[in-house]
Amino acid sequence: MNARVLIVEDDGRQLSALSRLVSMRRRDLTVLTARHGADALEVLEAGAIDFVLTDLQMPEMDGFELLAWIASNRPHMGVIAMTAYPDVISDGRMRELGGIECFTKPLDVGTILERIDRVLGRQSGHLRDIGLPSLLQVLEMERKSSVLTVQSDGQVGHLYLDGGELVDASCGSQSGDDAALAILGWQSPSITLHHIDHHPGRTVERAMGFLIMEAMRVADERSRPTAPEEEEDHRGAVVPETPAGPPLPEHVIAIGVVDLDGDGMSHAVGDWSGLEAVAELAAHVWEMSAEEVILTSSTHWIVARSAGHRALAVVAVEPHPARLKSARAALADVAARVNESHSA
């Protein structure tokens, strides 16, 4: 039986041209069409679909709502997104966020067909799905005002975004940051998304990126017990008086202290080359009333917290949420050493 591909596009001319090109070049594919997400749901619920190619900006029910529905109801279905706004969402960023490729219009039909073949060829194994953190970050980039109803193991929670910013969360008797952390920690949740004009209330204080990473850290700690030798490594994460100190603990790239009164980095250990400016940026952000600062890149994460006495402890670690435990243990040791030096 031919594979069935659903193309979702609100522009009638583009939809007709794209479906015709795909059908002409691939006689083994059955192409179905929909003008927006609501039409697509009718098609998806009426029969089996193997692959969905959807636009993101559409009326009535847009591509983000459709992706949320697919994540909850067809988690192993192949999906590709397309957009006319490459400055907002790049295909590389979409891959990074949730394993979903996003192509810029006008499309290269040959490339699209190659991607469809690749995914359909893996249909018997694990395909790609859309995680809650990934969907939230896409909505943040698009500055969407939305409410997400999240369900997992009999629990129901709600996340509210205003202009892409997470402003409110509720789950049972919990609200605000605590509710957001609980919801973000649920495994394989069902997600329903609806766009709203505006959400006036605010209970969430911390940035969404911080909450996502914190939830991932907590989940990692729960699933992976800490070995005794790992504890010893963390206790060794101290800043010596000179660079010739003990070796850095596993996963830590560099440790240092930033003088908030302008003297720059001191007691630096490890490889800070190219990272000094990032550490100073972390200090600037922290002084704007942040409790903890996490700056991320593909090669390292910078984590910063107060060490007291107008000093900021900064640690560079490998780029992964699981490394935050090592970073925070090192930060605690830095603060202890700074306090010891001032009390001596």
C-alpha atoms as a PDB file:
ATOM      1  CA  MET A   1       0.000   0.000   0.000  1.00  0.00           C
ATOM      2  CA  ASN A   2       1.265   3.503  -0.839  1.00  0.00           C
ATOM      3  CA  ALA A   3       2.504   5.702   1.999  1.00  0.00           C
ATOM      4  CA  ARG A   4       0.072   8.527   2.789  1.00  0.00           C
ATOM      5  CA  VAL A   5       1.490  12.036   3.118  1.00  0.00           C
ATOM      6  CA  LEU A   6      -0.557  14.963   4.444  1.00  0.00           C
ATOM      7  CA  ILE A   7       0.463  18.487   3.370  1.00  0.00           C
ATOM      8  CA  VAL A   8      -0.955  21.333   5.475  1.00  0.00           C
ATOM      9  CA  GLU A   9      -0.729  24.838   3.958  1.00  0.00           C
ATOM     10  CA  ASP A  10      -3.138  27.797   4.111  1.00  0.00           C
ATOM     11  CA  ASP A  11      -2.003  29.339   0.809  1.00  0.00           C
ATOM     12  CA  GLY A  12      -4.146  27.606  -1.830  1.00  0.00           C
ATOM     13  CA  ARG A  13      -1.711  28.148  -4.701  1.00  0.00           C
ATOM     14  CA  GLN A  14       1.282  26.885  -2.764  1.00  0.00           C
ATOM     15  CA  LEU A  15      -0.703  23.902  -1.495  1.00  0.00           C
ATOM     16  CA  SER A  16      -1.851  22.943  -4.991  1.00  0.00           C
ATOM     17  CA  ALA A  17       1.604  23.358  -6.518  1.00  0.00           C
ATOM     18  CA  LEU A  18       3.385  21.435  -3.774  1.00  0.00           C
ATOM     19  CA  SER A  19       0.932  18.528  -3.727  1.00  0.00           C
ATOM     20  CA  ARG A  20       1.060  18.288  -7.543  1.00  0.00           C
ATOM     21  CA  LEU A  21       4.867  18.263  -7.604  1.00  0.00           C
ATOM     22  CA  VAL A  22       5.097  15.569  -4.933  1.00  0.00           C
ATOM     23  CA  SER A  23       2.472  13.423  -6.693  1.00  0.00           C
ATOM     24  CA  MET A  24       4.158  13.768 -10.096  1.00  0.00           C
ATOM     25  CA  ARG A  25       7.617  12.909  -8.803  1.00  0.00           C
ATOM     26  CA  ARG A  26       6.539  10.107  -6.505  1.00  0.00           C
ATOM     27  CA  ARG A  27       3.743   7.900  -7.801  1.00  0.00           C
ATOM     28  CA  ASP A  28       4.174   5.610  -4.789  1.00  0.00           C
ATOM     29  CA  LEU A  29       2.963   8.345  -2.404  1.00  0.00           C
ATOM     30  CA  THR A  30      -0.675   9.187  -1.788  1.00  0.00           C
ATOM     31  CA  VAL A  31      -0.890  12.927  -1.139  1.00  0.00           C
ATOM     32  CA  LEU A  32      -3.683  14.438   0.950  1.00  0.00           C
ATOM     33  CA  THR A  33      -4.081  18.147   1.691  1.00  0.00           C
ATOM     34  CA  ALA A  34      -5.490  20.453   4.377  1.00  0.00           C
ATOM     35  CA  ARG A  35      -5.765  24.251   4.541  1.00  0.00           C
ATOM     36  CA  HIS A  36      -5.056  24.594   8.271  1.00  0.00           C
ATOM     37  CA  GLY A  37      -4.649  22.587  11.466  1.00  0.00           C
ATOM     38  CA  ALA A  38      -8.364  22.000  12.030  1.00  0.00           C
ATOM     39  CA  ASP A  39      -8.744  20.508   8.530  1.00  0.00           C
ATOM     40  CA  ALA A  40      -5.627  18.424   9.158  1.00  0.00           C
ATOM     41  CA  LEU A  41      -7.119  16.965  12.347  1.00  0.00           C
ATOM     42  CA  GLU A  42     -10.167  15.753  10.410  1.00  0.00           C
ATOM     43  CA  VAL A  43      -7.881  14.014   7.925  1.00  0.00           C
ATOM     44  CA  LEU A  44      -5.696  12.513  10.660  1.00  0.00           C
ATOM     45  CA  GLU A  45      -8.694  11.202  12.587  1.00  0.00           C
ATOM     46  CA  ALA A  46     -10.375   9.812   9.465  1.00  0.00           C
ATOM     47  CA  GLY A  47      -7.585   7.413   8.489  1.00  0.00           C
ATOM     48  CA  ALA A  48      -3.949   6.405   8.798  1.00  0.00           C
ATOM     49  CA  ILE A  49      -1.365   9.003   7.770  1.00  0.00           C
ATOM     50  CA  ASP A  50       2.314   8.147   7.537  1.00  0.00           C
ATOM     51  CA  PHE A  51       3.851  11.611   7.281  1.00  0.00           C
ATOM     52  CA  VAL A  52       2.863  15.255   7.815  1.00  0.00           C
ATOM     53  CA  LEU A  53       4.413  18.315   6.177  1.00  0.00           C
ATOM     54  CA  THR A  54       2.939  21.407   7.818  1.00  0.00           C
ATOM     55  CA  ASP A  55       3.257  25.148   7.633  1.00  0.00           C
ATOM     56  CA  LEU A  56       3.656  26.902  10.987  1.00  0.00           C
ATOM     57  CA  GLN A  57       1.775  30.164  10.418  1.00  0.00           C
ATOM     58  CA  MET A  58      -1.886  29.384   9.587  1.00  0.00           C
ATOM     59  CA  PRO A  59      -5.350  30.663  10.609  1.00  0.00           C
ATOM     60  CA  GLU A  60      -7.906  28.846  12.803  1.00  0.00           C
ATOM     61  CA  MET A  61      -5.416  26.267  14.071  1.00  0.00           C
ATOM     62  CA  ASP A  62      -1.775  26.873  13.272  1.00  0.00           C
ATOM     63  CA  GLY A  63       1.150  24.506  12.899  1.00  0.00           C
ATOM     64  CA  PHE A  64       2.217  24.736  16.540  1.00  0.00           C
ATOM     65  CA  GLU A  65      -1.184  23.541  17.753  1.00  0.00           C
ATOM     66  CA  LEU A  66      -1.096  20.770  15.158  1.00  0.00           C
ATOM     67  CA  LEU A  67       2.384  19.697  16.317  1.00  0.00           C
ATOM     68  CA  ALA A  68       1.133  19.591  19.911  1.00  0.00           C
ATOM     69  CA  TRP A  69      -1.782  17.374  18.876  1.00  0.00           C
ATOM     70  CA  ILE A  70       0.525  15.051  16.934  1.00  0.00           C
ATOM     71  CA  ALA A  71       2.902  14.847  19.925  1.00  0.00           C
ATOM     72  CA  SER A  72       0.025  13.706  22.138  1.00  0.00           C
ATOM     73  CA  ASN A  73      -1.917  11.508  19.725  1.00  0.00           C
ATOM     74  CA  ARG A  74       0.513  10.340  17.002  1.00  0.00           C
ATOM     75  CA  PRO A  75       3.932  10.506  18.725  1.00  0.00           C
ATOM     76  CA  HIS A  76       5.669   8.233  16.212  1.00  0.00           C
ATOM     77  CA  MET A  77       4.421   9.972  13.070  1.00  0.00           C
ATOM     78  CA  GLY A  78       7.009  11.566  10.810  1.00  0.00           C
ATOM     79  CA  VAL A  79       6.799  15.383  10.763  1.00  0.00           C
ATOM     80  CA  ILE A  80       8.473  18.202   8.836  1.00  0.00           C
ATOM     81  CA  ALA A  81       7.650  21.892   9.329  1.00  0.00           C
ATOM     82  CA  MET A  82       7.961  24.723   6.824  1.00  0.00           C
ATOM     83  CA  THR A  83       7.953  28.502   7.244  1.00  0.00           C
ATOM     84  CA  ALA A  84       8.310  31.681   5.250  1.00  0.00           C
ATOM     85  CA  TYR A  85      10.133  33.327   8.178  1.00  0.00           C
ATOM     86  CA  PRO A  86      13.682  31.917   8.375  1.00  0.00           C
ATOM     87  CA  ASP A  87      14.842  34.697  10.703  1.00  0.00           C
ATOM     88  CA  VAL A  88      12.426  33.458  13.365  1.00  0.00           C
ATOM     89  CA  ILE A  89      12.939  29.684  13.127  1.00  0.00           C
ATOM     90  CA  SER A  90      15.840  28.023  11.336  1.00  0.00           C
ATOM     91  CA  ASP A  91      15.885  24.361  10.385  1.00  0.00           C
ATOM     92  CA  GLY A  92      18.954  23.822  12.552  1.00  0.00           C
ATOM     93  CA  ARG A  93      17.230  25.336  15.563  1.00  0.00           C
ATOM     94  CA  MET A  94      14.175  23.116  15.031  1.00  0.00           C
ATOM     95  CA  ARG A  95      16.372  20.017  14.917  1.00  0.00           C
ATOM     96  CA  GLU A  96      18.042  21.148  18.128  1.00  0.00           C
ATOM     97  CA  LEU A  97      14.727  21.736  19.856  1.00  0.00           C
ATOM     98  CA  GLY A  98      12.851  18.567  19.175  1.00  0.00           C
ATOM     99  CA  GLY A  99      14.128  16.534  16.265  1.00  0.00           C
ATOM    100  CA  ILE A 100      11.783  18.374  13.860  1.00  0.00           C
ATOM    101  CA  GLU A 101      13.297  19.821  10.732  1.00  0.00           C
ATOM    102  CA  CYS A 102      11.923  23.146   9.547  1.00  0.00           C
ATOM    103  CA  PHE A 103      12.492  24.153   5.915  1.00  0.00           C
ATOM    104  CA  THR A 104      12.353  27.674   4.527  1.00  0.00           C
ATOM    105  CA  LYS A 105      10.011  28.459   1.647  1.00  0.00           C
ATOM    106  CA  PRO A 106      10.235  28.140  -1.301  1.00  0.00           C
ATOM    107  CA  LEU A 107      10.863  24.449  -0.721  1.00  0.00           C
ATOM    108  CA  ASP A 108      13.282  22.168  -2.520  1.00  0.00           C
ATOM    109  CA  VAL A 109      10.902  19.302  -3.307  1.00  0.00           C
ATOM    110  CA  GLY A 110      13.768  16.874  -3.890  1.00  0.00           C
ATOM    111  CA  THR A 111      15.114  17.504  -0.388  1.00  0.00           C
ATOM    112  CA  ILE A 112      11.632  17.117   1.112  1.00  0.00           C
ATOM    113  CA  LEU A 113      11.145  13.774  -0.651  1.00  0.00           C
ATOM    114  CA  GLU A 114      14.546  12.585   0.544  1.00  0.00           C
ATOM    115  CA  ARG A 115      13.589  13.415   4.134  1.00  0.00           C
ATOM    116  CA  ILE A 116      10.245  11.635   3.765  1.00  0.00           C
ATOM    117  CA  ASP A 117      12.005   8.533   2.424  1.00  0.00           C
ATOM    118  CA  ARG A 118      14.477   8.607   5.298  1.00  0.00           C
ATOM    119  CA  VAL A 119      11.765   8.800   7.961  1.00  0.00           C
ATOM    120  CA  LEU A 120       9.416   6.270   6.331  1.00  0.00           C
ATOM    121  CA  GLY A 121      12.343   3.897   6.007  1.00  0.00           C
ATOM    122  CA  ARG A 122      12.664   3.989   9.804  1.00  0.00           C
ATOM    123  CA  GLN A 123       8.942   3.573  10.382  1.00  0.00           C
ATOM    124  CA  SER A 124       9.383   0.202  12.061  1.00  0.00           C
ATOM    125  CA  GLY A 125      11.735   1.660  14.678  1.00  0.00           C
ATOM    126  CA  HIS A 126      11.795   4.776  16.794  1.00  0.00           C
ATOM    127  CA  LEU A 127      10.983   7.955  14.893  1.00  0.00           C
ATOM    128  CA  ARG A 128      10.860  11.446  16.330  1.00  0.00           C
ATOM    129  CA  ASP A 129       8.528  13.036  18.814  1.00  0.00           C
ATOM    130  CA  ILE A 130       7.974  16.484  20.262  1.00  0.00           C
ATOM    131  CA  GLY A 131       8.915  16.966  23.891  1.00  0.00           C
ATOM    132  CA  LEU A 132       7.294  19.555  26.159  1.00  0.00           C
ATOM    133  CA  PRO A 133      10.541  21.560  26.660  1.00  0.00           C
ATOM    134  CA  SER A 134      11.062  21.622  22.881  1.00  0.00           C
ATOM    135  CA  LEU A 135       7.545  22.852  22.202  1.00  0.00           C
ATOM    136  CA  LEU A 136       7.852  25.537  24.886  1.00  0.00           C
ATOM    137  CA  GLN A 137      11.086  26.857  23.399  1.00  0.00           C
ATOM    138  CA  VAL A 138       9.577  26.995  19.903  1.00  0.00           C
ATOM    139  CA  LEU A 139       6.586  28.944  21.281  1.00  0.00           C
ATOM    140  CA  GLU A 140       9.027  31.257  23.070  1.00  0.00           C
ATOM    141  CA  MET A 141      10.865  31.986  19.822  1.00  0.00           C
ATOM    142  CA  GLU A 142       7.558  32.682  18.078  1.00  0.00           C
ATOM    143  CA  ARG A 143       6.414  34.865  21.010  1.00  0.00           C
ATOM    144  CA  LYS A 144       3.115  33.003  21.206  1.00  0.00           C
ATOM    145  CA  SER A 145       0.448  33.628  23.845  1.00  0.00           C
ATOM    146  CA  SER A 146      -0.842  30.147  24.616  1.00  0.00           C
ATOM    147  CA  VAL A 147      -2.142  27.812  27.281  1.00  0.00           C
ATOM    148  CA  LEU A 148      -0.843  24.245  27.351  1.00  0.00           C
ATOM    149  CA  THR A 149      -2.821  21.552  29.136  1.00  0.00           C
ATOM    150  CA  VAL A 150      -0.375  18.810  30.112  1.00  0.00           C
ATOM    151  CA  GLN A 151      -1.456  15.364  31.339  1.00  0.00           C
ATOM    152  CA  SER A 152       0.624  12.462  32.647  1.00  0.00           C
ATOM    153  CA  ASP A 153      -0.293   9.452  34.828  1.00  0.00           C
ATOM    154  CA  GLY A 154      -3.590  10.953  35.926  1.00  0.00           C
ATOM    155  CA  GLN A 155      -2.073  14.360  36.707  1.00  0.00           C
ATOM    156  CA  VAL A 156      -3.177  17.524  34.912  1.00  0.00           C
ATOM    157  CA  GLY A 157      -1.288  20.808  34.765  1.00  0.00           C
ATOM    158  CA  HIS A 158      -1.528  24.083  32.879  1.00  0.00           C
ATOM    159  CA  LEU A 159       1.239  26.307  31.535  1.00  0.00           C
ATOM    160  CA  TYR A 160       0.449  29.845  30.349  1.00  0.00           C
ATOM    161  CA  LEU A 161       2.664  31.797  27.967  1.00  0.00           C
ATOM    162  CA  ASP A 162       2.247  35.508  27.277  1.00  0.00           C
ATOM    163  CA  GLY A 163       4.211  36.670  24.246  1.00  0.00           C
ATOM    164  CA  GLY A 164       6.387  33.557  24.492  1.00  0.00           C
ATOM    165  CA  GLU A 165       7.175  34.119  28.186  1.00  0.00           C
ATOM    166  CA  LEU A 166       6.071  31.549  30.756  1.00  0.00           C
ATOM    167  CA  VAL A 167       4.028  33.633  33.205  1.00  0.00           C
ATOM    168  CA  ASP A 168       1.735  31.218  35.035  1.00  0.00           C
ATOM    169  CA  ALA A 169       1.577  27.532  35.937  1.00  0.00           C
ATOM    170  CA  SER A 170      -0.841  25.454  37.986  1.00  0.00           C
ATOM    171  CA  CYS A 171      -0.946  21.808  39.009  1.00  0.00           C
ATOM    172  CA  GLY A 172      -3.288  20.636  41.744  1.00  0.00           C
ATOM    173  CA  SER A 173      -2.544  22.772  44.802  1.00  0.00           C
ATOM    174  CA  GLN A 174       0.759  24.000  43.345  1.00  0.00           C
ATOM    175  CA  SER A 175       1.242  27.177  41.347  1.00  0.00           C
ATOM    176  CA  GLY A 176       4.029  29.321  39.951  1.00  0.00           C
ATOM    177  CA  ASP A 177       7.609  28.020  39.787  1.00  0.00           C
ATOM    178  CA  ASP A 178       6.839  24.883  41.818  1.00  0.00           C
ATOM    179  CA  ALA A 179       4.007  23.873  39.477  1.00  0.00           C
ATOM    180  CA  ALA A 180       6.124  24.579  36.373  1.00  0.00           C
ATOM    181  CA  LEU A 181       8.986  22.426  37.699  1.00  0.00           C
ATOM    182  CA  ALA A 182       6.598  19.584  38.510  1.00  0.00           C
ATOM    183  CA  ILE A 183       4.966  19.647  35.070  1.00  0.00           C
ATOM    184  CA  LEU A 184       8.280  19.898  33.228  1.00  0.00           C
ATOM    185  CA  GLY A 185       9.462  16.795  35.066  1.00  0.00           C
ATOM    186  CA  TRP A 186       6.628  14.572  33.829  1.00  0.00           C
ATOM    187  CA  GLN A 187       7.624  11.769  31.487  1.00  0.00           C
ATOM    188  CA  SER A 188       5.958  11.436  28.026  1.00  0.00           C
ATOM    189  CA  PRO A 189       3.048  13.787  28.769  1.00  0.00           C
ATOM    190  CA  SER A 190      -0.014  14.403  26.626  1.00  0.00           C
ATOM    191  CA  ILE A 191      -0.121  18.029  25.449  1.00  0.00           C
ATOM    192  CA  THR A 192      -3.032  20.141  24.236  1.00  0.00           C
ATOM    193  CA  LEU A 193      -2.303  23.682  23.086  1.00  0.00           C
ATOM    194  CA  HIS A 194      -4.659  26.617  22.572  1.00  0.00           C
ATOM    195  CA  HIS A 195      -3.686  30.148  21.654  1.00  0.00           C
ATOM    196  CA  ILE A 196      -4.981  33.005  23.803  1.00  0.00           C
ATOM    197  CA  ASP A 197      -4.860  36.782  23.359  1.00  0.00           C
ATOM    198  CA  HIS A 198      -3.365  37.621  26.727  1.00  0.00           C
ATOM    199  CA  HIS A 199      -2.913  36.153  30.209  1.00  0.00           C
ATOM    200  CA  PRO A 200      -3.065  38.935  32.818  1.00  0.00           C
ATOM    201  CA  GLY A 201      -1.874  37.022  35.901  1.00  0.00           C
ATOM    202  CA  ARG A 202       1.712  36.114  36.790  1.00  0.00           C
ATOM    203  CA  THR A 203       2.873  33.489  39.256  1.00  0.00           C
ATOM    204  CA  VAL A 204       6.100  32.259  37.594  1.00  0.00           C
ATOM    205  CA  GLU A 205       9.148  34.287  38.617  1.00  0.00           C
ATOM    206  CA  ARG A 206      12.096  32.450  37.076  1.00  0.00           C
ATOM    207  CA  ALA A 207      12.990  32.314  33.397  1.00  0.00           C
ATOM    208  CA  MET A 208      11.593  29.415  31.402  1.00  0.00           C
ATOM    209  CA  GLY A 209      15.059  28.279  30.307  1.00  0.00           C
ATOM    210  CA  PHE A 210      16.188  27.996  33.914  1.00  0.00           C
ATOM    211  CA  LEU A 211      13.054  26.040  34.893  1.00  0.00           C
ATOM    212  CA  ILE A 212      13.525  23.612  31.988  1.00  0.00           C
ATOM    213  CA  MET A 213      17.142  22.911  32.891  1.00  0.00           C
ATOM    214  CA  GLU A 214      16.324  22.631  36.591  1.00  0.00           C
ATOM    215  CA  ALA A 215      13.558  20.101  35.861  1.00  0.00           C
ATOM    216  CA  MET A 216      15.953  18.111  33.683  1.00  0.00           C
ATOM    217  CA  ARG A 217      18.586  18.182  36.434  1.00  0.00           C
ATOM    218  CA  VAL A 218      16.140  16.936  39.060  1.00  0.00           C
ATOM    219  CA  ALA A 219      14.916  14.169  36.746  1.00  0.00           C
ATOM    220  CA  ASP A 220      18.500  13.132  36.041  1.00  0.00           C
ATOM    221  CA  GLU A 221      19.359  12.997  39.744  1.00  0.00           C
ATOM    222  CA  ARG A 222      16.307  10.855  40.468  1.00  0.00           C
ATOM    223  CA  SER A 223      17.160   8.366  37.737  1.00  0.00           C
ATOM    224  CA  ARG A 224      20.910   8.170  38.403  1.00  0.00           C
ATOM    225  CA  PRO A 225      22.092   7.673  42.013  1.00  0.00           C
ATOM    226  CA  THR A 226      25.280   9.471  42.920  1.00  0.00           C
ATOM    227  CA  ALA A 227      28.254   7.176  43.353  1.00  0.00           C
ATOM    228  CA  PRO A 228      30.465   7.687  46.444  1.00  0.00           C
ATOM    229  CA  GLU A 229      33.526   8.422  44.337  1.00  0.00           C
ATOM    230  CA  GLU A 230      31.556  11.111  42.497  1.00  0.00           C
ATOM    231  CA  GLU A 231      30.884  12.824  45.831  1.00  0.00           C
ATOM    232  CA  GLU A 232      34.610  12.854  46.512  1.00  0.00           C
ATOM    233  CA  ASP A 233      35.258  14.462  43.127  1.00  0.00           C
ATOM    234  CA  HIS A 234      32.770  17.218  43.911  1.00  0.00           C
ATOM    235  CA  ARG A 235      34.317  17.929  47.296  1.00  0.00           C
ATOM    236  CA  GLY A 236      37.630  18.424  45.554  1.00  0.00           C
ATOM    237  CA  ALA A 237      36.261  21.286  43.461  1.00  0.00           C
ATOM    238  CA  VAL A 238      37.976  24.113  45.357  1.00  0.00           C
ATOM    239  CA  VAL A 239      39.703  27.202  44.044  1.00  0.00           C
ATOM    240  CA  PRO A 240      43.348  27.108  45.152  1.00  0.00           C
ATOM    241  CA  GLU A 241      45.370  30.186  46.031  1.00  0.00           C
ATOM    242  CA  THR A 242      47.445  29.711  42.875  1.00  0.00           C
ATOM    243  CA  PRO A 243      46.793  28.013  39.525  1.00  0.00           C
ATOM    244  CA  ALA A 244      48.971  25.115  40.690  1.00  0.00           C
ATOM    245  CA  GLY A 245      46.219  23.495  42.734  1.00  0.00           C
ATOM    246  CA  PRO A 246      44.403  20.167  42.716  1.00  0.00           C
ATOM    247  CA  PRO A 247      43.005  18.858  39.415  1.00  0.00           C
ATOM    248  CA  LEU A 248      39.551  19.957  38.352  1.00  0.00           C
ATOM    249  CA  PRO A 249      36.707  17.509  39.043  1.00  0.00           C
ATOM    250  CA  GLU A 250      35.168  15.528  36.232  1.00  0.00           C
ATOM    251  CA  HIS A 251      33.051  17.518  33.741  1.00  0.00           C
ATOM    252  CA  VAL A 252      34.329  20.893  35.040  1.00  0.00           C
ATOM    253  CA  ILE A 253      36.276  22.956  32.491  1.00  0.00           C
ATOM    254  CA  ALA A 254      37.283  25.950  34.615  1.00  0.00           C
ATOM    255  CA  ILE A 255      36.607  27.669  37.958  1.00  0.00           C
ATOM    256  CA  GLY A 256      37.116  31.275  38.961  1.00  0.00           C
ATOM    257  CA  VAL A 257      35.967  34.268  40.998  1.00  0.00           C
ATOM    258  CA  VAL A 258      34.816  37.557  39.465  1.00  0.00           C
ATOM    259  CA  ASP A 259      35.365  40.689  41.567  1.00  0.00           C
ATOM    260  CA  LEU A 260      32.136  42.668  41.248  1.00  0.00           C
ATOM    261  CA  ASP A 261      33.945  45.932  42.043  1.00  0.00           C
ATOM    262  CA  GLY A 262      35.872  45.817  38.803  1.00  0.00           C
ATOM    263  CA  ASP A 263      39.097  43.871  39.327  1.00  0.00           C
ATOM    264  CA  GLY A 264      38.046  41.136  36.925  1.00  0.00           C
ATOM    265  CA  MET A 265      38.767  37.423  37.247  1.00  0.00           C
ATOM    266  CA  SER A 266      40.843  36.086  40.136  1.00  0.00           C
ATOM    267  CA  HIS A 267      41.833  32.647  41.417  1.00  0.00           C
ATOM    268  CA  ALA A 268      41.208  31.248  37.942  1.00  0.00           C
ATOM    269  CA  VAL A 269      41.792  27.528  37.437  1.00  0.00           C
ATOM    270  CA  GLY A 270      41.379  25.590  34.214  1.00  0.00           C
ATOM    271  CA  ASP A 271      41.039  26.831  30.660  1.00  0.00           C
ATOM    272  CA  TRP A 272      39.299  30.227  30.675  1.00  0.00           C
ATOM    273  CA  SER A 273      40.707  31.213  27.268  1.00  0.00           C
ATOM    274  CA  GLY A 274      37.926  32.896  25.304  1.00  0.00           C
ATOM    275  CA  LEU A 275      35.529  32.651  28.275  1.00  0.00           C
ATOM    276  CA  GLU A 276      36.556  35.675  30.351  1.00  0.00           C
ATOM    277  CA  ALA A 277      34.061  37.946  28.596  1.00  0.00           C
ATOM    278  CA  VAL A 278      31.311  35.384  29.147  1.00  0.00           C
ATOM    279  CA  ALA A 279      32.136  35.237  32.861  1.00  0.00           C
ATOM    280  CA  GLU A 280      31.955  39.022  33.081  1.00  0.00           C
ATOM    281  CA  LEU A 281      28.597  38.944  31.264  1.00  0.00           C
ATOM    282  CA  ALA A 282      27.350  36.426  33.832  1.00  0.00           C
ATOM    283  CA  ALA A 283      28.429  38.841  36.568  1.00  0.00           C
ATOM    284  CA  HIS A 284      26.545  41.700  34.896  1.00  0.00           C
ATOM    285  CA  VAL A 285      23.379  39.600  34.587  1.00  0.00           C
ATOM    286  CA  TRP A 286      23.682  38.380  38.177  1.00  0.00           C
ATOM    287  CA  GLU A 287      23.860  41.942  39.510  1.00  0.00           C
ATOM    288  CA  MET A 288      20.391  42.518  38.009  1.00  0.00           C
ATOM    289  CA  SER A 289      18.910  40.580  40.980  1.00  0.00           C
ATOM    290  CA  ALA A 290      19.376  37.060  39.628  1.00  0.00           C
ATOM    291  CA  GLU A 291      19.939  34.260  42.167  1.00  0.00           C
ATOM    292  CA  GLU A 292      21.777  32.073  39.681  1.00  0.00           C
ATOM    293  CA  VAL A 293      22.939  32.682  36.123  1.00  0.00           C
ATOM    294  CA  ILE A 294      23.376  29.970  33.492  1.00  0.00           C
ATOM    295  CA  LEU A 295      24.798  30.973  30.099  1.00  0.00           C
ATOM    296  CA  THR A 296      24.855  28.186  27.525  1.00  0.00           C
ATOM    297  CA  SER A 297      26.592  27.434  24.248  1.00  0.00           C
ATOM    298  CA  SER A 298      27.328  24.292  22.244  1.00  0.00           C
ATOM    299  CA  THR A 299      30.788  23.912  23.852  1.00  0.00           C
ATOM    300  CA  HIS A 300      30.300  24.920  27.499  1.00  0.00           C
ATOM    301  CA  TRP A 301      27.872  26.181  30.128  1.00  0.00           C
ATOM    302  CA  ILE A 302      28.803  28.996  32.524  1.00  0.00           C
ATOM    303  CA  VAL A 303      27.086  28.797  35.937  1.00  0.00           C
ATOM    304  CA  ALA A 304      27.456  31.685  38.407  1.00  0.00           C
ATOM    305  CA  ARG A 305      26.349  32.334  42.000  1.00  0.00           C
ATOM    306  CA  SER A 306      27.312  34.757  44.743  1.00  0.00           C
ATOM    307  CA  ALA A 307      30.412  33.869  46.766  1.00  0.00           C
ATOM    308  CA  GLY A 308      29.799  36.726  49.222  1.00  0.00           C
ATOM    309  CA  HIS A 309      32.003  39.777  49.858  1.00  0.00           C
ATOM    310  CA  ARG A 310      31.176  41.351  46.454  1.00  0.00           C
ATOM    311  CA  ALA A 311      32.519  38.293  44.629  1.00  0.00           C
ATOM    312  CA  LEU A 312      30.832  36.008  42.154  1.00  0.00           C
ATOM    313  CA  ALA A 313      31.822  32.352  41.806  1.00  0.00           C
ATOM    314  CA  VAL A 314      31.794  31.142  38.202  1.00  0.00           C
ATOM    315  CA  VAL A 315      32.227  27.614  36.853  1.00  0.00           C
ATOM    316  CA  ALA A 316      32.446  26.403  33.257  1.00  0.00           C
ATOM    317  CA  VAL A 317      31.202  22.847  32.683  1.00  0.00           C
ATOM    318  CA  GLU A 318      30.479  20.527  29.812  1.00  0.00           C
ATOM    319  CA  PRO A 319      27.217  21.451  28.011  1.00  0.00           C
ATOM    320  CA  HIS A 320      24.621  19.122  29.547  1.00  0.00           C
ATOM    321  CA  PRO A 321      21.927  19.505  32.258  1.00  0.00           C
ATOM    322  CA  ALA A 322      23.439  16.563  34.150  1.00  0.00           C
ATOM    323  CA  ARG A 323      26.606  18.640  34.700  1.00  0.00           C
ATOM    324  CA  LEU A 324      24.741  21.254  36.747  1.00  0.00           C
ATOM    325  CA  LYS A 325      25.206  19.158  39.888  1.00  0.00           C
ATOM    326  CA  SER A 326      28.988  19.257  39.436  1.00  0.00           C
ATOM    327  CA  ALA A 327      28.843  23.004  38.782  1.00  0.00           C
ATOM    328  CA  ARG A 328      26.783  23.773  41.886  1.00  0.00           C
ATOM    329  CA  ALA A 329      29.007  21.635  44.101  1.00  0.00           C
ATOM    330  CA  ALA A 330      32.028  23.527  42.776  1.00  0.00           C
ATOM    331  CA  LEU A 331      30.291  26.888  43.338  1.00  0.00           C
ATOM    332  CA  ALA A 332      29.594  25.975  46.978  1.00  0.00           C
ATOM    333  CA  ASP A 333      33.275  25.158  47.505  1.00  0.00           C
ATOM    334  CA  VAL A 334      34.338  28.428  45.874  1.00  0.00           C
ATOM    335  CA  ALA A 335      32.049  30.397  48.195  1.00  0.00           C
ATOM    336  CA  ALA A 336      33.434  28.538  51.222  1.00  0.00           C
ATOM    337  CA  ARG A 337      37.008  29.329  50.186  1.00  0.00           C
ATOM    338  CA  VAL A 338      36.218  33.008  49.653  1.00  0.00           C
ATOM    339  CA  ASN A 339      34.599  33.242  53.067  1.00  0.00           C
ATOM    340  CA  GLU A 340      37.565  31.481  54.677  1.00  0.00           C
ATOM    341  CA  SER A 341      40.007  33.960  53.116  1.00  0.00           C
ATOM    342  CA  HIS A 342      38.012  36.937  54.394  1.00  0.00           C
ATOM    343  CA  SER A 343      37.679  35.584  57.910  1.00  0.00           C
ATOM    344  CA  ALA A 344      41.349  34.659  58.211  1.00  0.00           C
END
